Amino acid sequence: MKIRVAPIALNDLMEIKRYIEKDLSNPIAAKNVIKGIIEDYSRLESSPHMGTSLSTKVAFDTDYRFIVSGNYLIFYKVDEEYVSIYRILYGRRDYLKIIFDDTY
């Protein structure tokens, strides 16, 4: 399968890098965290269903899945051709509200 990353997920990566690099003053950690996230979601190419269905966390069906990468959650969907990365969020954020925009 091919991996594609939504623009908002790329923005998430840039924000994570900026926060660690600037706010936490740790550019080496920023580089390592981003590298780890990319390595983790790259594994979906060969094992697209390795993540957990988000339906296990909500009271309705959804085709979102997620994997954990350190302190971050990578949210994605799988179709016949692509694994589409939609968001990469800090695990302690209200990720359901962010993803479903107050609809859950």
N, C-alpha and C. Protein backbone atom coordinates (compact mmCIF):
# COMPACT_ATOMS: atom_id res chain seq x y z
N MET A 1 0.84 -1.19 0.00
CA MET A 1 0.00 0.00 0.00
C MET A 1 0.88 1.25 0.00
N LYS A 2 0.31 2.30 -0.51
CA LYS A 2 1.01 3.58 -0.52
C LYS A 2 0.53 4.43 0.66
N ILE A 3 1.44 5.21 1.21
CA ILE A 3 1.11 6.13 2.30
C ILE A 3 0.90 7.51 1.69
N ARG A 4 -0.16 8.17 2.12
CA ARG A 4 -0.31 9.59 1.78
C ARG A 4 -0.65 10.33 3.07
N VAL A 5 -0.12 11.53 3.16
CA VAL A 5 -0.25 12.31 4.39
C VAL A 5 -1.02 13.58 4.06
N ALA A 6 -2.12 13.79 4.78
CA ALA A 6 -2.95 14.98 4.56
C ALA A 6 -2.17 16.24 4.95
N PRO A 7 -2.47 17.35 4.30
CA PRO A 7 -1.78 18.60 4.65
C PRO A 7 -1.90 18.96 6.13
N ILE A 8 -3.03 18.71 6.74
CA ILE A 8 -3.18 19.05 8.16
C ILE A 8 -2.28 18.17 9.03
N ALA A 9 -2.04 16.92 8.62
CA ALA A 9 -1.13 16.04 9.36
C ALA A 9 0.31 16.52 9.19
N LEU A 10 0.65 17.02 8.01
CA LEU A 10 1.98 17.61 7.83
C LEU A 10 2.14 18.84 8.71
N ASN A 11 1.07 19.62 8.82
CA ASN A 11 1.09 20.77 9.72
C ASN A 11 1.26 20.31 11.18
N ASP A 12 0.59 19.23 11.54
CA ASP A 12 0.76 18.67 12.89
C ASP A 12 2.23 18.36 13.15
N LEU A 13 2.89 17.73 12.18
CA LEU A 13 4.32 17.40 12.32
C LEU A 13 5.16 18.65 12.51
N MET A 14 4.89 19.67 11.71
CA MET A 14 5.65 20.92 11.83
C MET A 14 5.44 21.58 13.18
N GLU A 15 4.20 21.52 13.70
CA GLU A 15 3.90 22.10 15.01
C GLU A 15 4.58 21.33 16.14
N ILE A 16 4.59 20.01 16.03
CA ILE A 16 5.28 19.18 17.02
C ILE A 16 6.77 19.53 17.03
N LYS A 17 7.36 19.60 15.85
CA LYS A 17 8.79 19.94 15.74
C LYS A 17 9.06 21.32 16.31
N ARG A 18 8.24 22.29 15.96
CA ARG A 18 8.43 23.66 16.44
C ARG A 18 8.33 23.72 17.96
N TYR A 19 7.34 23.06 18.52
CA TYR A 19 7.14 23.08 19.96
C TYR A 19 8.35 22.50 20.69
N ILE A 20 8.80 21.34 20.26
CA ILE A 20 9.93 20.69 20.95
C ILE A 20 11.21 21.49 20.73
N GLU A 21 11.40 21.94 19.51
CA GLU A 21 12.62 22.67 19.17
C GLU A 21 12.69 24.04 19.84
N LYS A 22 11.61 24.80 19.77
CA LYS A 22 11.62 26.19 20.27
C LYS A 22 11.16 26.30 21.72
N ASP A 23 9.96 25.81 22.00
CA ASP A 23 9.41 25.97 23.35
C ASP A 23 10.16 25.16 24.39
N LEU A 24 10.57 23.96 24.00
CA LEU A 24 11.32 23.11 24.94
C LEU A 24 12.83 23.22 24.76
N SER A 25 13.23 24.02 23.78
CA SER A 25 14.66 24.27 23.50
C SER A 25 15.47 22.99 23.32
N ASN A 26 14.92 22.07 22.53
CA ASN A 26 15.61 20.80 22.35
C ASN A 26 15.52 20.35 20.88
N PRO A 27 16.35 20.93 20.02
CA PRO A 27 16.29 20.58 18.60
C PRO A 27 16.65 19.13 18.29
N ILE A 28 17.51 18.54 19.09
CA ILE A 28 17.87 17.13 18.86
C ILE A 28 16.66 16.24 19.14
N ALA A 29 15.97 16.49 20.24
CA ALA A 29 14.77 15.71 20.56
C ALA A 29 13.70 15.93 19.48
N ALA A 30 13.56 17.15 19.00
CA ALA A 30 12.57 17.45 17.96
C ALA A 30 12.83 16.58 16.73
N LYS A 31 14.07 16.55 16.30
CA LYS A 31 14.44 15.74 15.14
C LYS A 31 14.15 14.27 15.38
N ASN A 32 14.49 13.77 16.56
CA ASN A 32 14.27 12.35 16.88
C ASN A 32 12.79 11.99 16.97
N VAL A 33 11.99 12.87 17.54
CA VAL A 33 10.55 12.61 17.65
C VAL A 33 9.92 12.55 16.26
N ILE A 34 10.24 13.52 15.42
CA ILE A 34 9.67 13.53 14.06
C ILE A 34 10.12 12.31 13.28
N LYS A 35 11.39 11.96 13.40
CA LYS A 35 11.92 10.77 12.72
C LYS A 35 11.16 9.52 13.19
N GLY A 36 10.93 9.41 14.49
CA GLY A 36 10.21 8.26 15.04
C GLY A 36 8.77 8.19 14.55
N ILE A 37 8.10 9.32 14.50
CA ILE A 37 6.71 9.35 14.01
C ILE A 37 6.66 8.89 12.56
N ILE A 38 7.56 9.41 11.73
CA ILE A 38 7.58 9.03 10.31
C ILE A 38 7.90 7.55 10.15
N GLU A 39 8.85 7.04 10.93
CA GLU A 39 9.17 5.61 10.87
C GLU A 39 7.96 4.77 11.27
N ASP A 40 7.25 5.22 12.32
CA ASP A 40 6.09 4.45 12.79
C ASP A 40 4.98 4.42 11.75
N TYR A 41 4.65 5.57 11.16
CA TYR A 41 3.56 5.51 10.18
C TYR A 41 4.01 4.87 8.87
N SER A 42 5.29 4.84 8.60
CA SER A 42 5.79 4.16 7.40
C SER A 42 5.57 2.65 7.48
N ARG A 43 5.55 2.12 8.68
CA ARG A 43 5.30 0.67 8.86
C ARG A 43 3.89 0.29 8.41
N LEU A 44 2.99 1.26 8.36
CA LEU A 44 1.62 0.98 7.91
C LEU A 44 1.58 0.55 6.45
N GLU A 45 2.61 0.89 5.71
CA GLU A 45 2.69 0.51 4.30
C GLU A 45 2.58 -1.00 4.14
N SER A 46 3.25 -1.74 5.00
CA SER A 46 3.23 -3.20 4.91
C SER A 46 2.21 -3.85 5.85
N SER A 47 1.75 -3.12 6.86
CA SER A 47 0.77 -3.67 7.82
C SER A 47 -0.29 -2.61 8.12
N PRO A 48 -1.15 -2.30 7.16
CA PRO A 48 -2.08 -1.18 7.32
C PRO A 48 -3.11 -1.35 8.44
N HIS A 49 -3.38 -2.57 8.82
CA HIS A 49 -4.40 -2.78 9.86
C HIS A 49 -3.79 -3.05 11.23
N MET A 50 -2.52 -2.73 11.40
CA MET A 50 -1.87 -3.00 12.69
C MET A 50 -2.38 -2.08 13.79
N GLY A 51 -2.93 -0.94 13.44
CA GLY A 51 -3.43 -0.01 14.44
C GLY A 51 -4.76 -0.45 15.02
N THR A 52 -5.18 0.26 16.04
CA THR A 52 -6.44 -0.01 16.72
C THR A 52 -7.56 0.77 16.05
N SER A 53 -8.71 0.15 15.92
CA SER A 53 -9.87 0.86 15.38
C SER A 53 -10.32 1.91 16.39
N LEU A 54 -10.55 3.11 15.93
CA LEU A 54 -11.01 4.18 16.82
C LEU A 54 -12.42 3.89 17.34
N SER A 55 -13.14 3.00 16.67
CA SER A 55 -14.48 2.60 17.12
C SER A 55 -14.45 1.97 18.51
N THR A 56 -13.29 1.47 18.94
CA THR A 56 -13.19 0.90 20.28
C THR A 56 -13.21 1.99 21.36
N LYS A 57 -13.02 3.25 20.96
CA LYS A 57 -12.97 4.37 21.91
C LYS A 57 -14.21 5.25 21.88
N VAL A 58 -15.07 5.06 20.88
CA VAL A 58 -16.26 5.90 20.74
C VAL A 58 -17.50 5.02 20.62
N ALA A 59 -18.65 5.61 20.81
CA ALA A 59 -19.90 4.85 20.80
C ALA A 59 -20.55 4.80 19.42
N PHE A 60 -19.77 4.97 18.37
CA PHE A 60 -20.29 4.89 17.01
C PHE A 60 -19.21 4.31 16.10
N ASP A 61 -19.63 3.84 14.94
CA ASP A 61 -18.68 3.27 13.99
C ASP A 61 -17.92 4.36 13.26
N THR A 62 -16.65 4.13 13.09
CA THR A 62 -15.80 5.03 12.31
C THR A 62 -14.73 4.18 11.64
N ASP A 63 -14.27 4.63 10.49
CA ASP A 63 -13.22 3.88 9.80
C ASP A 63 -11.83 4.39 10.13
N TYR A 64 -11.73 5.32 11.08
CA TYR A 64 -10.42 5.75 11.55
C TYR A 64 -9.77 4.65 12.36
N ARG A 65 -8.47 4.55 12.22
CA ARG A 65 -7.64 3.68 13.03
C ARG A 65 -6.54 4.56 13.61
N PHE A 66 -5.81 4.07 14.60
CA PHE A 66 -4.70 4.84 15.13
C PHE A 66 -3.59 3.93 15.63
N ILE A 67 -2.38 4.49 15.61
CA ILE A 67 -1.23 3.84 16.22
C ILE A 67 -0.59 4.86 17.17
N VAL A 68 0.11 4.33 18.14
CA VAL A 68 0.81 5.16 19.11
C VAL A 68 2.26 5.29 18.68
N SER A 69 2.76 6.51 18.75
CA SER A 69 4.17 6.78 18.45
C SER A 69 4.69 7.67 19.57
N GLY A 70 5.28 7.07 20.57
CA GLY A 70 5.73 7.82 21.74
C GLY A 70 4.54 8.48 22.43
N ASN A 71 4.57 9.80 22.56
CA ASN A 71 3.47 10.54 23.19
C ASN A 71 2.39 10.96 22.20
N TYR A 72 2.49 10.50 20.97
CA TYR A 72 1.60 10.97 19.91
C TYR A 72 0.75 9.84 19.36
N LEU A 73 -0.41 10.22 18.84
CA LEU A 73 -1.32 9.28 18.19
C LEU A 73 -1.40 9.65 16.72
N ILE A 74 -1.28 8.66 15.87
CA ILE A 74 -1.35 8.85 14.43
C ILE A 74 -2.69 8.26 13.97
N PHE A 75 -3.55 9.12 13.45
CA PHE A 75 -4.89 8.72 13.01
C PHE A 75 -4.89 8.55 11.50
N TYR A 76 -5.44 7.42 11.05
CA TYR A 76 -5.40 7.13 9.62
C TYR A 76 -6.60 6.30 9.21
N LYS A 77 -6.80 6.22 7.89
CA LYS A 77 -7.82 5.38 7.28
C LYS A 77 -7.15 4.54 6.19
N VAL A 78 -7.75 3.39 5.92
CA VAL A 78 -7.22 2.47 4.92
C VAL A 78 -8.28 2.27 3.85
N ASP A 79 -7.86 2.36 2.58
CA ASP A 79 -8.75 1.96 1.49
C ASP A 79 -8.01 0.94 0.63
N GLU A 80 -8.49 0.66 -0.55
CA GLU A 80 -7.88 -0.39 -1.37
C GLU A 80 -6.45 -0.06 -1.79
N GLU A 81 -6.15 1.22 -1.95
CA GLU A 81 -4.84 1.61 -2.48
C GLU A 81 -3.96 2.36 -1.49
N TYR A 82 -4.57 3.10 -0.57
CA TYR A 82 -3.81 4.01 0.28
C TYR A 82 -4.04 3.79 1.77
N VAL A 83 -3.00 4.11 2.52
CA VAL A 83 -3.13 4.39 3.95
C VAL A 83 -3.01 5.90 4.03
N SER A 84 -4.09 6.55 4.45
CA SER A 84 -4.13 8.01 4.50
C SER A 84 -3.99 8.49 5.94
N ILE A 85 -2.91 9.21 6.20
CA ILE A 85 -2.65 9.77 7.53
C ILE A 85 -3.41 11.09 7.61
N TYR A 86 -4.32 11.18 8.59
CA TYR A 86 -5.16 12.38 8.71
C TYR A 86 -4.71 13.35 9.79
N ARG A 87 -4.30 12.84 10.93
CA ARG A 87 -3.86 13.72 12.03
C ARG A 87 -2.78 13.02 12.82
N ILE A 88 -1.91 13.84 13.44
CA ILE A 88 -0.89 13.36 14.36
C ILE A 88 -0.98 14.28 15.57
N LEU A 89 -1.49 13.74 16.67
CA LEU A 89 -1.84 14.57 17.83
C LEU A 89 -1.21 14.05 19.11
N TYR A 90 -0.90 14.99 19.98
CA TYR A 90 -0.40 14.64 21.31
C TYR A 90 -1.47 13.83 22.02
N GLY A 91 -1.07 12.73 22.64
CA GLY A 91 -2.02 11.79 23.22
C GLY A 91 -2.88 12.32 24.34
N ARG A 92 -2.47 13.39 25.00
CA ARG A 92 -3.26 13.92 26.11
C ARG A 92 -4.24 15.01 25.68
N ARG A 93 -4.23 15.33 24.40
CA ARG A 93 -5.21 16.30 23.89
C ARG A 93 -6.56 15.62 23.75
N ASP A 94 -7.61 16.39 23.61
CA ASP A 94 -8.94 15.85 23.38
C ASP A 94 -9.05 15.51 21.89
N TYR A 95 -8.39 14.42 21.52
CA TYR A 95 -8.28 14.07 20.11
C TYR A 95 -9.63 13.76 19.47
N LEU A 96 -10.59 13.22 20.24
CA LEU A 96 -11.90 12.96 19.66
C LEU A 96 -12.59 14.25 19.23
N LYS A 97 -12.50 15.26 20.07
CA LYS A 97 -13.09 16.55 19.74
C LYS A 97 -12.41 17.15 18.51
N ILE A 98 -11.10 17.02 18.44
CA ILE A 98 -10.35 17.57 17.31
C ILE A 98 -10.73 16.86 16.02
N ILE A 99 -10.75 15.54 16.06
CA ILE A 99 -11.02 14.76 14.84
C ILE A 99 -12.47 14.88 14.39
N PHE A 100 -13.38 14.80 15.33
CA PHE A 100 -14.79 14.79 14.97
C PHE A 100 -15.46 16.15 15.09
N ASP A 101 -14.71 17.18 15.48
CA ASP A 101 -15.21 18.55 15.49
C ASP A 101 -16.56 18.67 16.19
N ASP A 102 -16.59 18.22 17.43
CA ASP A 102 -17.79 18.31 18.28
C ASP A 102 -18.97 17.48 17.81
N THR A 103 -18.77 16.50 16.95
CA THR A 103 -19.91 15.71 16.45
C THR A 103 -20.08 14.39 17.19
N TYR A 104 -19.21 14.07 18.13
CA TYR A 104 -19.38 12.79 18.82
C TYR A 104 -20.19 12.94 20.09
